[in-house]
Amino acid sequence: MYVLFSTDSDLDLLGNLIRRAGFAARLVAEQSIFIESFILYELRVHHGQHDAPPRDPNDENDEDDEDDEDDKDDNEDDDRKGRN
């Protein structure tokens, strides 16, 4: 699917809506028309993310990150035991 926006559009908002709808956008073309530009994007279904909300990489409450921290702590404990 293709969608055409102008640079006068709220591109951040539209990008968030596109991701929440389960699509990935790829810039196809940009055409200047004096004081603004038309931007053509190709939208494709982002497989595996249809119903999932977008993940915030800065979210400190992400469970996967907590597991990684636990693994680091376990490895440090193992290192200390090996040195004794």
N, C-alpha and C. Protein backbone atom coordinates (compact mmCIF):
# COMPACT_ATOMS: atom_id res chain seq x y z
N MET A 1 0.85 -1.15 0.00
CA MET A 1 0.00 0.00 0.00
C MET A 1 0.91 1.23 0.00
N TYR A 2 0.52 2.25 -0.71
CA TYR A 2 1.27 3.50 -0.75
C TYR A 2 0.45 4.62 -0.12
N VAL A 3 1.14 5.55 0.53
CA VAL A 3 0.47 6.68 1.14
C VAL A 3 1.31 7.93 0.84
N LEU A 4 0.61 9.02 0.58
CA LEU A 4 1.25 10.27 0.22
C LEU A 4 0.96 11.31 1.30
N PHE A 5 2.02 11.91 1.84
CA PHE A 5 1.89 12.97 2.84
C PHE A 5 2.63 14.19 2.34
N SER A 6 2.34 15.31 2.96
CA SER A 6 3.15 16.51 2.70
C SER A 6 4.03 16.73 3.92
N THR A 7 5.10 17.49 3.74
CA THR A 7 5.98 17.79 4.86
C THR A 7 5.29 18.68 5.88
N ASP A 8 4.13 19.22 5.53
CA ASP A 8 3.34 20.02 6.45
C ASP A 8 2.55 19.13 7.41
N SER A 9 2.52 17.83 7.16
CA SER A 9 1.80 16.87 8.01
C SER A 9 2.58 16.65 9.31
N ASP A 10 1.88 16.18 10.32
CA ASP A 10 2.53 15.78 11.58
C ASP A 10 3.10 14.38 11.36
N LEU A 11 4.32 14.31 10.83
CA LEU A 11 4.91 13.04 10.44
C LEU A 11 5.22 12.13 11.63
N ASP A 12 5.52 12.69 12.79
CA ASP A 12 5.74 11.88 13.99
C ASP A 12 4.46 11.16 14.38
N LEU A 13 3.36 11.89 14.42
CA LEU A 13 2.07 11.29 14.77
C LEU A 13 1.69 10.23 13.75
N LEU A 14 1.82 10.54 12.47
CA LEU A 14 1.46 9.58 11.43
C LEU A 14 2.34 8.33 11.50
N GLY A 15 3.63 8.51 11.77
CA GLY A 15 4.53 7.37 11.91
C GLY A 15 4.13 6.47 13.06
N ASN A 16 3.75 7.08 14.19
CA ASN A 16 3.30 6.28 15.34
C ASN A 16 2.01 5.53 15.01
N LEU A 17 1.09 6.17 14.32
CA LEU A 17 -0.16 5.51 13.95
C LEU A 17 0.10 4.35 12.99
N ILE A 18 1.00 4.55 12.06
CA ILE A 18 1.35 3.50 11.10
C ILE A 18 1.93 2.29 11.83
N ARG A 19 2.85 2.52 12.77
CA ARG A 19 3.44 1.42 13.54
C ARG A 19 2.40 0.72 14.40
N ARG A 20 1.54 1.49 15.05
CA ARG A 20 0.51 0.89 15.90
C ARG A 20 -0.47 0.06 15.09
N ALA A 21 -0.67 0.41 13.82
CA ALA A 21 -1.56 -0.34 12.95
C ALA A 21 -0.88 -1.60 12.42
N GLY A 22 0.41 -1.79 12.72
CA GLY A 22 1.10 -3.00 12.33
C GLY A 22 1.82 -2.90 11.00
N PHE A 23 2.12 -1.70 10.55
CA PHE A 23 2.81 -1.51 9.28
C PHE A 23 4.22 -1.00 9.51
N ALA A 24 5.05 -1.25 8.52
CA ALA A 24 6.39 -0.67 8.45
C ALA A 24 6.40 0.24 7.23
N ALA A 25 6.96 1.44 7.36
CA ALA A 25 6.97 2.41 6.26
C ALA A 25 8.37 2.51 5.67
N ARG A 26 8.41 2.66 4.35
CA ARG A 26 9.67 2.86 3.64
C ARG A 26 9.49 4.05 2.70
N LEU A 27 10.40 5.01 2.79
CA LEU A 27 10.36 6.18 1.92
C LEU A 27 10.62 5.76 0.49
N VAL A 28 9.71 6.14 -0.42
CA VAL A 28 9.84 5.77 -1.83
C VAL A 28 10.28 6.96 -2.66
N ALA A 29 9.68 8.12 -2.41
CA ALA A 29 10.01 9.31 -3.20
C ALA A 29 9.65 10.57 -2.44
N GLU A 30 10.32 11.65 -2.81
CA GLU A 30 10.02 12.97 -2.24
C GLU A 30 10.11 13.99 -3.37
N GLN A 31 9.06 14.80 -3.48
CA GLN A 31 9.01 15.80 -4.56
C GLN A 31 8.75 17.17 -3.97
N SER A 32 9.66 18.08 -4.21
CA SER A 32 9.52 19.44 -3.71
C SER A 32 8.48 20.21 -4.54
N ILE A 33 7.61 20.94 -3.83
CA ILE A 33 6.62 21.80 -4.48
C ILE A 33 6.67 23.18 -3.83
N PHE A 34 7.67 23.92 -4.15
CA PHE A 34 7.92 25.25 -3.63
C PHE A 34 8.23 25.25 -2.14
N ILE A 35 7.26 25.52 -1.28
CA ILE A 35 7.56 25.69 0.15
C ILE A 35 7.42 24.40 0.96
N GLU A 36 6.98 23.33 0.35
CA GLU A 36 6.87 22.05 1.04
C GLU A 36 7.17 20.93 0.05
N SER A 37 7.09 19.70 0.53
CA SER A 37 7.35 18.54 -0.33
C SER A 37 6.25 17.51 -0.14
N PHE A 38 6.01 16.74 -1.19
CA PHE A 38 5.17 15.56 -1.09
C PHE A 38 6.10 14.38 -0.81
N ILE A 39 5.69 13.53 0.12
CA ILE A 39 6.50 12.37 0.50
C ILE A 39 5.66 11.12 0.27
N LEU A 40 6.18 10.19 -0.51
CA LEU A 40 5.49 8.95 -0.81
C LEU A 40 6.14 7.82 -0.02
N TYR A 41 5.31 7.12 0.77
CA TYR A 41 5.78 5.98 1.55
C TYR A 41 5.11 4.71 1.07
N GLU A 42 5.85 3.62 1.12
CA GLU A 42 5.29 2.29 0.90
C GLU A 42 5.05 1.69 2.27
N LEU A 43 3.84 1.20 2.51
CA LEU A 43 3.52 0.56 3.78
C LEU A 43 3.42 -0.94 3.56
N ARG A 44 4.06 -1.68 4.43
CA ARG A 44 3.97 -3.14 4.39
C ARG A 44 3.60 -3.64 5.77
N VAL A 45 2.91 -4.78 5.79
CA VAL A 45 2.55 -5.38 7.07
C VAL A 45 3.83 -5.83 7.75
N HIS A 46 3.96 -5.43 9.00
CA HIS A 46 5.12 -5.82 9.80
C HIS A 46 4.73 -7.12 10.50
N HIS A 47 5.13 -8.25 9.95
CA HIS A 47 4.72 -9.57 10.45
C HIS A 47 5.10 -9.77 11.90
N GLY A 48 4.17 -10.35 12.66
CA GLY A 48 4.42 -10.63 14.06
C GLY A 48 4.13 -9.47 14.98
N GLN A 49 3.75 -8.33 14.46
CA GLN A 49 3.50 -7.17 15.30
C GLN A 49 2.10 -6.60 15.09
N HIS A 50 1.19 -7.38 14.52
CA HIS A 50 -0.14 -6.86 14.18
C HIS A 50 -0.88 -6.27 15.37
N ASP A 51 -0.96 -7.04 16.45
CA ASP A 51 -1.76 -6.61 17.59
C ASP A 51 -0.92 -6.04 18.72
N ALA A 52 0.37 -6.14 18.62
CA ALA A 52 1.22 -5.68 19.70
C ALA A 52 1.45 -4.17 19.61
N PRO A 53 1.39 -3.50 20.75
CA PRO A 53 1.70 -2.06 20.73
C PRO A 53 3.19 -1.89 20.47
N PRO A 54 3.60 -0.74 19.98
CA PRO A 54 5.02 -0.53 19.72
C PRO A 54 5.81 -0.58 21.02
N ARG A 55 6.99 -1.19 20.96
CA ARG A 55 7.85 -1.27 22.14
C ARG A 55 8.71 -0.04 22.24
N ASP A 56 8.82 0.46 23.45
CA ASP A 56 9.68 1.61 23.72
C ASP A 56 11.03 1.09 24.18
N PRO A 57 12.09 1.28 23.38
CA PRO A 57 13.40 0.76 23.78
C PRO A 57 13.93 1.39 25.05
N ASN A 58 13.37 2.50 25.48
CA ASN A 58 13.81 3.17 26.70
C ASN A 58 12.98 2.79 27.91
N ASP A 59 12.04 1.85 27.73
CA ASP A 59 11.14 1.45 28.81
C ASP A 59 11.93 0.65 29.84
N GLU A 60 12.06 1.20 31.05
CA GLU A 60 12.82 0.52 32.10
C GLU A 60 12.04 -0.64 32.70
N ASN A 61 10.75 -0.76 32.42
CA ASN A 61 9.94 -1.83 32.98
C ASN A 61 9.84 -3.03 32.06
N ASP A 62 10.66 -3.11 31.04
CA ASP A 62 10.65 -4.22 30.10
C ASP A 62 11.19 -5.46 30.81
N GLU A 63 10.39 -6.53 30.85
CA GLU A 63 10.76 -7.73 31.59
C GLU A 63 12.01 -8.38 31.02
N ASP A 64 12.20 -8.34 29.70
CA ASP A 64 13.38 -8.95 29.09
C ASP A 64 14.65 -8.30 29.61
N ASP A 65 14.64 -6.99 29.78
CA ASP A 65 15.81 -6.28 30.28
C ASP A 65 16.11 -6.71 31.71
N GLU A 66 15.07 -6.93 32.52
CA GLU A 66 15.28 -7.34 33.89
C GLU A 66 15.93 -8.71 33.93
N ASP A 67 15.51 -9.62 33.04
CA ASP A 67 16.12 -10.94 32.98
C ASP A 67 17.59 -10.84 32.62
N ASP A 68 17.93 -9.94 31.71
CA ASP A 68 19.32 -9.75 31.34
C ASP A 68 20.15 -9.29 32.54
N GLU A 69 19.58 -8.40 33.35
CA GLU A 69 20.30 -7.93 34.54
C GLU A 69 20.50 -9.08 35.51
N ASP A 70 19.47 -9.94 35.68
CA ASP A 70 19.61 -11.10 36.57
C ASP A 70 20.72 -12.02 36.07
N ASP A 71 20.80 -12.23 34.76
CA ASP A 71 21.84 -13.07 34.18
C ASP A 71 23.22 -12.49 34.46
N LYS A 72 23.37 -11.16 34.35
CA LYS A 72 24.64 -10.51 34.64
C LYS A 72 25.04 -10.74 36.10
N ASP A 73 24.05 -10.61 37.01
CA ASP A 73 24.33 -10.81 38.43
C ASP A 73 24.76 -12.25 38.68
N ASP A 74 24.10 -13.22 38.05
CA ASP A 74 24.45 -14.62 38.21
C ASP A 74 25.86 -14.88 37.72
N ASN A 75 26.21 -14.29 36.57
CA ASN A 75 27.55 -14.48 36.03
C ASN A 75 28.61 -13.89 36.95
N GLU A 76 28.32 -12.74 37.55
CA GLU A 76 29.27 -12.13 38.48
C GLU A 76 29.45 -13.01 39.71
N ASP A 77 28.34 -13.61 40.22
CA ASP A 77 28.43 -14.52 41.37
C ASP A 77 29.28 -15.73 41.01
N ASP A 78 29.09 -16.29 39.81
CA ASP A 78 29.87 -17.44 39.37
C ASP A 78 31.35 -17.08 39.28
N ASP A 79 31.65 -15.88 38.77
CA ASP A 79 33.04 -15.44 38.67
C ASP A 79 33.68 -15.35 40.05
N ARG A 80 32.94 -14.80 41.01
CA ARG A 80 33.48 -14.67 42.36
C ARG A 80 33.74 -16.02 42.98
N LYS A 81 32.82 -16.97 42.77
CA LYS A 81 32.98 -18.32 43.34
C LYS A 81 34.19 -19.01 42.72
N GLY A 82 34.43 -18.80 41.46
CA GLY A 82 35.54 -19.44 40.76
C GLY A 82 36.89 -18.92 41.25
N ARG A 83 36.93 -17.69 41.74
CA ARG A 83 38.19 -17.11 42.22
C ARG A 83 38.55 -17.56 43.63
N ASN A 84 37.57 -18.08 44.39
CA ASN A 84 37.85 -18.48 45.78
C ASN A 84 38.56 -19.80 45.84
